[in-house]
Protein backbone atom coordinates (compact mmCIF):
# COMPACT_ATOMS: atom_id res chain seq x y z
CA MET A 1 35.81 134.49 97.17
CA ASN A 2 37.04 131.97 93.57
CA VAL A 3 40.11 133.06 92.17
CA ASN A 4 41.42 130.68 89.68
CA LEU A 5 45.61 129.49 90.98
CA ALA A 6 46.73 128.33 87.29
CA ASP A 7 48.41 130.76 85.73
CA ALA A 8 50.11 132.15 89.45
CA GLU A 9 53.61 132.72 89.34
CA TRP A 10 54.82 131.38 93.13
CA PHE A 11 58.61 132.82 94.45
CA LYS A 12 59.49 132.18 97.98
CA SER A 13 60.93 135.38 100.45
CA SER A 14 64.35 136.04 99.23
CA ARG A 15 65.29 135.70 102.94
CA SER A 16 64.20 132.34 102.81
CA GLN A 17 67.91 130.77 102.26
CA GLY A 18 66.81 128.27 100.45
CA GLY A 19 65.65 125.87 103.93
CA SER A 20 61.86 123.82 102.72
CA GLU A 21 59.41 125.11 105.64
CA CYS A 22 58.46 128.37 103.78
CA VAL A 23 55.54 129.69 102.98
CA GLU A 24 55.77 130.46 98.65
CA VAL A 25 53.26 133.64 97.65
CA ALA A 26 51.47 134.77 94.40
CA PHE A 27 50.00 138.28 93.39
CA LEU A 28 47.11 137.68 90.98
CA ASN A 29 44.49 139.45 90.11
CA GLY A 30 42.31 142.20 91.16
CA GLY A 31 45.49 142.97 93.76
CA HIS A 32 43.91 139.60 95.49
CA VAL A 33 47.98 137.73 96.71
CA GLY A 34 47.82 133.50 96.91
CA VAL A 35 49.61 132.09 99.98
CA ARG A 36 50.79 128.72 100.51
CA ASP A 37 53.07 126.30 101.84
CA SER A 38 56.65 125.01 99.99
CA LYS A 39 56.26 121.60 101.39
CA ASN A 40 52.92 120.81 99.08
CA PRO A 41 52.58 123.37 96.52
CA THR A 42 49.18 121.48 95.03
CA SER A 43 47.17 121.78 98.91
CA PRO A 44 44.99 124.60 99.12
CA ALA A 45 46.00 128.31 99.60
CA LEU A 46 44.86 130.63 101.21
CA VAL A 47 44.14 134.06 99.11
CA PHE A 48 43.99 136.73 100.78
CA THR A 49 42.30 141.05 99.24
CA PRO A 50 44.31 143.98 98.84
CA GLY A 51 43.47 145.16 101.71
CA GLU A 52 44.03 141.70 104.37
CA TRP A 53 47.48 141.59 102.68
CA SER A 54 48.20 145.33 102.50
CA ALA A 55 47.14 145.44 107.00
CA PHE A 56 49.52 141.90 107.55
CA VAL A 57 52.42 143.09 105.33
CA THR A 58 52.37 146.47 108.13
CA HIS A 59 51.71 144.45 110.64
CA THR A 60 53.61 142.43 110.10
CA ARG A 61 56.01 144.53 109.52
CA ALA A 62 55.75 146.68 112.76
CA GLY A 63 56.39 143.78 115.34
CA GLU A 64 53.08 143.04 115.85
CA PHE A 65 52.98 138.50 115.30
CA GLY A 66 56.89 138.32 117.43
CA HIS A 67 57.07 135.31 119.38
CA GLN A 68 56.86 135.65 123.05
């Protein structure tokens, strides 16, 4: 998938509390979602389709990715 990230508006979660070890998210054209490391914003970003992002958010909210 080739998505242009040049105009992406990246943001951190309001729960990040200003820490330096966060991810940033950008909502992109076509419903895609970009995710990148806030410590290295010029590194490659992950890009999710709308369905992939929806599944990730759903499973995260359900606590399926918690530490064990």
